[in-house]
C-alpha atoms as a PDB file:
ATOM      1  CA  MET A   1       0.000   0.000   0.000  1.00  0.00           C
ATOM      2  CA  SER A   2       1.293   3.406  -0.811  1.00  0.00           C
ATOM      3  CA  ALA A   3       1.135   6.534   1.304  1.00  0.00           C
ATOM      4  CA  ASN A   4      -0.890   8.029  -1.546  1.00  0.00           C
ATOM      5  CA  LEU A   5      -3.725   5.601  -0.794  1.00  0.00           C
ATOM      6  CA  PHE A   6      -3.807   6.536   2.873  1.00  0.00           C
ATOM      7  CA  ASN A   7      -3.669  10.240   2.005  1.00  0.00           C
ATOM      8  CA  GLY A   8      -6.632   9.686  -0.303  1.00  0.00           C
ATOM      9  CA  LEU A   9      -8.574   8.035   2.494  1.00  0.00           C
ATOM     10  CA  GLY A  10      -7.727  10.773   4.991  1.00  0.00           C
ATOM     11  CA  ASN A  11     -10.786  12.942   4.358  1.00  0.00           C
ATOM     12  CA  PRO A  12     -14.273  12.559   5.879  1.00  0.00           C
ATOM     13  CA  VAL A  13     -16.074  13.027   2.546  1.00  0.00           C
ATOM     14  CA  ARG A  14     -13.849  10.493   0.796  1.00  0.00           C
ATOM     15  CA  LEU A  15     -14.380   8.020   3.636  1.00  0.00           C
ATOM     16  CA  GLN A  16     -18.117   8.519   3.203  1.00  0.00           C
ATOM     17  CA  ILE A  17     -17.732   7.802  -0.523  1.00  0.00           C
ATOM     18  CA  ILE A  18     -15.667   4.690   0.266  1.00  0.00           C
ATOM     19  CA  ASN A  19     -18.336   3.451   2.689  1.00  0.00           C
ATOM     20  CA  THR A  20     -21.067   4.164   0.138  1.00  0.00           C
ATOM     21  CA  LEU A  21     -19.255   2.245  -2.598  1.00  0.00           C
ATOM     22  CA  HIS A  22     -18.473  -0.565  -0.175  1.00  0.00           C
ATOM     23  CA  SER A  23     -22.143  -1.060   0.668  1.00  0.00           C
ATOM     24  CA  ALA A  24     -23.620  -0.352  -2.780  1.00  0.00           C
ATOM     25  CA  GLY A  25     -21.044  -1.651  -5.240  1.00  0.00           C
ATOM     26  CA  ARG A  26     -20.740   0.174  -8.575  1.00  0.00           C
ATOM     27  CA  LEU A  27     -22.255   3.642  -8.707  1.00  0.00           C
ATOM     28  CA  SER A  28     -22.230   6.585 -11.088  1.00  0.00           C
ATOM     29  CA  VAL A  29     -21.165  10.060  -9.959  1.00  0.00           C
ATOM     30  CA  ASN A  30     -24.818  11.108  -9.768  1.00  0.00           C
ATOM     31  CA  GLU A  31     -25.726   8.095  -7.638  1.00  0.00           C
ATOM     32  CA  VAL A  32     -22.863   8.815  -5.230  1.00  0.00           C
ATOM     33  CA  THR A  33     -23.913  12.490  -5.149  1.00  0.00           C
ATOM     34  CA  GLU A  34     -27.490  11.577  -4.225  1.00  0.00           C
ATOM     35  CA  ARG A  35     -26.394   9.217  -1.473  1.00  0.00           C
ATOM     36  CA  ILE A  36     -23.895  11.500   0.258  1.00  0.00           C
ATOM     37  CA  GLY A  37     -25.575  14.850  -0.362  1.00  0.00           C
ATOM     38  CA  ILE A  38     -22.799  17.019  -1.790  1.00  0.00           C
ATOM     39  CA  SER A  39     -22.551  18.714  -5.178  1.00  0.00           C
ATOM     40  CA  GLN A  40     -21.774  16.719  -8.293  1.00  0.00           C
ATOM     41  CA  SER A  41     -18.589  18.713  -8.888  1.00  0.00           C
ATOM     42  CA  ASN A  42     -17.307  17.983  -5.372  1.00  0.00           C
ATOM     43  CA  THR A  43     -18.219  14.325  -5.749  1.00  0.00           C
ATOM     44  CA  SER A  44     -16.306  14.157  -9.039  1.00  0.00           C
ATOM     45  CA  ARG A  45     -13.281  15.840  -7.474  1.00  0.00           C
ATOM     46  CA  HIS A  46     -13.212  13.411  -4.543  1.00  0.00           C
ATOM     47  CA  LEU A  47     -13.693  10.403  -6.841  1.00  0.00           C
ATOM     48  CA  LEU A  48     -10.758  11.588  -8.962  1.00  0.00           C
ATOM     49  CA  ILE A  49      -8.572  11.818  -5.858  1.00  0.00           C
ATOM     50  CA  LEU A  50      -9.646   8.312  -4.831  1.00  0.00           C
ATOM     51  CA  LYS A  51      -8.953   7.015  -8.340  1.00  0.00           C
ATOM     52  CA  GLU A  52      -5.488   8.595  -8.396  1.00  0.00           C
ATOM     53  CA  ALA A  53      -4.811   7.123  -4.951  1.00  0.00           C
ATOM     54  CA  GLY A  54      -5.686   3.658  -6.259  1.00  0.00           C
ATOM     55  CA  ALA A  55      -8.768   3.219  -4.072  1.00  0.00           C
ATOM     56  CA  VAL A  56     -11.419   3.108  -6.789  1.00  0.00           C
ATOM     57  CA  GLU A  57     -11.618   1.866 -10.335  1.00  0.00           C
ATOM     58  CA  VAL A  58     -13.778   3.209 -13.135  1.00  0.00           C
ATOM     59  CA  GLU A  59     -15.747   1.300 -15.739  1.00  0.00           C
ATOM     60  CA  CYS A  60     -17.330   3.108 -18.682  1.00  0.00           C
ATOM     61  CA  LYS A  61     -20.715   1.615 -19.478  1.00  0.00           C
ATOM     62  CA  GLU A  62     -23.503   3.095 -21.607  1.00  0.00           C
ATOM     63  CA  ASN A  63     -22.124   6.662 -21.461  1.00  0.00           C
ATOM     64  CA  LYS A  64     -21.712   6.448 -17.674  1.00  0.00           C
ATOM     65  CA  ARG A  65     -18.660   6.101 -15.535  1.00  0.00           C
ATOM     66  CA  LEU A  66     -19.283   3.566 -12.818  1.00  0.00           C
ATOM     67  CA  TYR A  67     -17.048   3.717  -9.768  1.00  0.00           C
ATOM     68  CA  SER A  68     -16.280   0.782  -7.505  1.00  0.00           C
ATOM     69  CA  LEU A  69     -13.728  -0.080  -4.859  1.00  0.00           C
ATOM     70  CA  ARG A  70     -10.632  -1.958  -5.870  1.00  0.00           C
ATOM     71  CA  PRO A  71     -10.469  -5.440  -4.308  1.00  0.00           C
ATOM     72  CA  GLY A  72      -7.388  -4.570  -2.240  1.00  0.00           C
ATOM     73  CA  VAL A  73      -9.219  -1.657  -0.656  1.00  0.00           C
ATOM     74  CA  ILE A  74     -12.116  -3.917   0.286  1.00  0.00           C
ATOM     75  CA  ARG A  75      -9.659  -6.264   2.023  1.00  0.00           C
ATOM     76  CA  LEU A  76      -8.034  -3.279   3.758  1.00  0.00           C
ATOM     77  CA  LEU A  77     -11.427  -2.078   5.033  1.00  0.00           C
ATOM     78  CA  THR A  78     -12.241  -5.556   6.318  1.00  0.00           C
ATOM     79  CA  VAL A  79      -8.962  -5.787   8.231  1.00  0.00           C
ATOM     80  CA  ALA A  80      -9.335  -2.236   9.569  1.00  0.00           C
ATOM     81  CA  SER A  81     -12.838  -3.041  10.828  1.00  0.00           C
ATOM     82  CA  GLU A  82     -11.553  -6.151  12.579  1.00  0.00           C
ATOM     83  CA  VAL A  83      -8.649  -4.272  14.166  1.00  0.00           C
ATOM     84  CA  CYS A  84     -10.939  -1.460  15.321  1.00  0.00           C
ATOM     85  CA  GLY A  85     -13.502  -3.924  16.655  1.00  0.00           C
ATOM     86  CA  GLU A  86     -16.214  -2.868  14.221  1.00  0.00           C
ATOM     87  CA  ALA A  87     -16.605  -6.182  12.402  1.00  0.00           C
END
């Protein structure tokens, strides 16, 4: 894991996005925006940071970009939950 990943996760809004993607799976920018209640432009900016950090991957499908967590991040969240006693 790189420091870039942990820097990307070190923001409350991005953690909310991570949790949303973890529970919902693949979502478009608009779907993430609706679920977390911030502007579409802010959602896009945070998703870009998460993508550059290696936390999310993007799939283009039917003129939409669908965001999902990378498998390694899902494993990291599982371990973190166990360590923090939230499993």
